[in-house]
Amino acid sequence: MNLGSEGIAQALRRLNAKLVYAEMPPVNLVVCGGAALVSLGLIRRSTSDVDVIGSLPFNAMDSTSDSVRHLSDLLDLEPSEDEAGAAVDWLLRRDSSDAFKQKLKQVLDRIGHERIGEKI
């Protein structure tokens, strides 16, 4: 399955519906990889999955939930500093909690954009 920006939004809405239906507490997720770049309009292609970093209840997804999913996809994309910076700006307009910022810094360090993380 290839997902464009609307397909990604729909997948996240379905995840939200599952969490609400199961009366789970709110979660903070960082969408990364191709899904993040497609959603931001930074690249014009589709992606086959939505990679997230964060903690989900074990039953929120069809497969086993890990803290880090498909970080290698993000590494393979090799986002430029401008692309990573634009993604960070977009993300921080949606969630500026300290916990979210800390996870975001960890991702930026891992993908080689420590300088951006230092500005958060």
Protein backbone atom coordinates (compact mmCIF):
# COMPACT_ATOMS: atom_id res chain seq x y z
CA MET A 1 0.00 0.00 0.00
CA ASN A 2 1.33 3.43 -0.92
CA LEU A 3 0.25 6.37 1.19
CA GLY A 4 0.14 10.01 0.15
CA SER A 5 -0.52 12.82 2.60
CA GLU A 6 -4.25 12.06 2.83
CA GLY A 7 -3.61 8.34 3.37
CA ILE A 8 -1.17 9.15 6.16
CA ALA A 9 -3.70 11.48 7.81
CA GLN A 10 -6.34 8.76 7.51
CA ALA A 11 -4.03 6.17 9.11
CA LEU A 12 -3.38 8.49 12.04
CA ARG A 13 -7.11 9.20 12.41
CA ARG A 14 -7.74 5.43 12.53
CA LEU A 15 -5.08 5.05 15.22
CA ASN A 16 -6.69 7.89 17.18
CA ALA A 17 -10.11 6.24 16.88
CA LYS A 18 -8.66 2.96 18.21
CA LEU A 19 -7.12 4.75 21.18
CA VAL A 20 -10.31 6.67 21.95
CA TYR A 21 -12.47 3.56 21.60
CA ALA A 22 -10.17 1.63 23.95
CA GLU A 23 -10.27 4.57 26.40
CA MET A 24 -6.48 4.80 26.33
CA PRO A 25 -4.69 7.87 27.69
CA PRO A 26 -3.32 10.40 25.20
CA VAL A 27 0.07 9.58 23.67
CA ASN A 28 2.83 11.67 22.11
CA LEU A 29 4.24 10.38 18.85
CA VAL A 30 6.85 11.68 16.45
CA VAL A 31 6.04 10.79 12.86
CA CYS A 32 9.31 10.38 11.02
CA GLY A 33 10.70 8.97 7.81
CA GLY A 34 8.95 9.31 4.50
CA ALA A 35 5.55 9.84 6.12
CA ALA A 36 6.77 12.99 7.88
CA LEU A 37 8.33 14.40 4.73
CA VAL A 38 5.25 13.58 2.61
CA SER A 39 2.90 15.11 5.20
CA LEU A 40 4.94 18.30 5.31
CA GLY A 41 4.96 18.52 1.53
CA LEU A 42 8.75 18.41 1.52
CA ILE A 43 8.82 15.48 -0.91
CA ARG A 44 6.38 14.50 -3.63
CA ARG A 45 6.13 10.74 -3.39
CA SER A 46 4.21 8.16 -1.44
CA THR A 47 5.38 5.92 1.38
CA SER A 48 4.42 2.39 2.32
CA ASP A 49 4.13 2.97 6.08
CA VAL A 50 3.92 5.55 8.83
CA ASP A 51 7.00 5.41 11.01
CA VAL A 52 6.61 6.68 14.55
CA ILE A 53 8.76 7.16 17.60
CA GLY A 54 6.89 7.05 20.86
CA SER A 55 5.10 4.66 23.13
CA LEU A 56 1.78 3.13 22.20
CA PRO A 57 -0.30 0.77 24.31
CA PHE A 58 0.53 -2.78 23.21
CA ASN A 59 -2.89 -3.30 21.64
CA ALA A 60 -3.14 0.02 19.80
CA MET A 61 -1.64 -1.37 16.62
CA ASP A 62 -2.11 -4.62 14.77
CA SER A 63 1.55 -5.54 15.23
CA THR A 64 3.79 -5.34 18.27
CA SER A 65 4.51 -1.74 19.25
CA ASP A 66 8.15 -0.71 19.76
CA SER A 67 9.49 2.58 21.05
CA VAL A 68 11.33 3.04 17.79
CA ARG A 69 9.80 1.90 14.53
CA HIS A 70 11.68 2.04 11.27
CA LEU A 71 14.30 4.57 12.30
CA SER A 72 16.41 3.05 9.55
CA ASP A 73 13.91 4.41 7.00
CA LEU A 74 14.56 7.93 8.24
CA LEU A 75 18.30 7.33 8.13
CA ASP A 76 17.99 6.04 4.57
CA LEU A 77 16.18 9.22 3.51
CA GLU A 78 19.12 11.33 4.68
CA PRO A 79 17.06 14.52 5.21
CA SER A 80 18.97 17.74 4.66
CA GLU A 81 19.33 20.25 7.47
CA ASP A 82 16.64 22.40 5.83
CA GLU A 83 14.25 19.43 5.57
CA ALA A 84 14.88 18.36 9.16
CA GLY A 85 14.53 21.95 10.38
CA ALA A 86 11.22 22.41 8.58
CA ALA A 87 9.94 19.14 10.04
CA VAL A 88 10.97 20.20 13.56
CA ASP A 89 9.27 23.60 13.18
CA TRP A 90 6.07 21.88 12.04
CA LEU A 91 6.18 19.34 14.87
CA LEU A 92 6.77 21.92 17.58
CA ARG A 93 3.73 23.89 16.46
CA ARG A 94 1.69 20.80 17.36
CA ASP A 95 3.35 19.59 20.56
CA SER A 96 5.82 21.58 22.61
CA SER A 97 5.83 19.48 25.77
CA ASP A 98 9.19 18.82 27.39
CA ALA A 99 8.85 15.05 26.93
CA PHE A 100 8.16 15.48 23.22
CA LYS A 101 11.09 17.87 22.80
CA GLN A 102 13.41 15.38 24.50
CA LYS A 103 12.34 12.55 22.18
CA LEU A 104 12.69 14.84 19.18
CA LYS A 105 16.23 15.78 20.23
CA GLN A 106 17.11 12.09 20.49
CA VAL A 107 15.90 11.49 16.94
CA LEU A 108 17.80 14.50 15.63
CA ASP A 109 20.98 13.32 17.33
CA ARG A 110 20.53 9.87 15.83
CA ILE A 111 20.08 11.16 12.29
CA GLY A 112 23.02 13.54 12.49
CA HIS A 113 21.22 16.85 13.04
CA GLU A 114 22.42 17.60 16.57
CA ARG A 115 22.66 21.33 15.79
CA ILE A 116 18.92 21.52 15.22
CA GLY A 117 18.31 19.63 18.47
CA GLU A 118 20.45 22.12 20.39
CA LYS A 119 18.07 24.92 19.32
CA ILE A 120 15.00 23.20 20.78
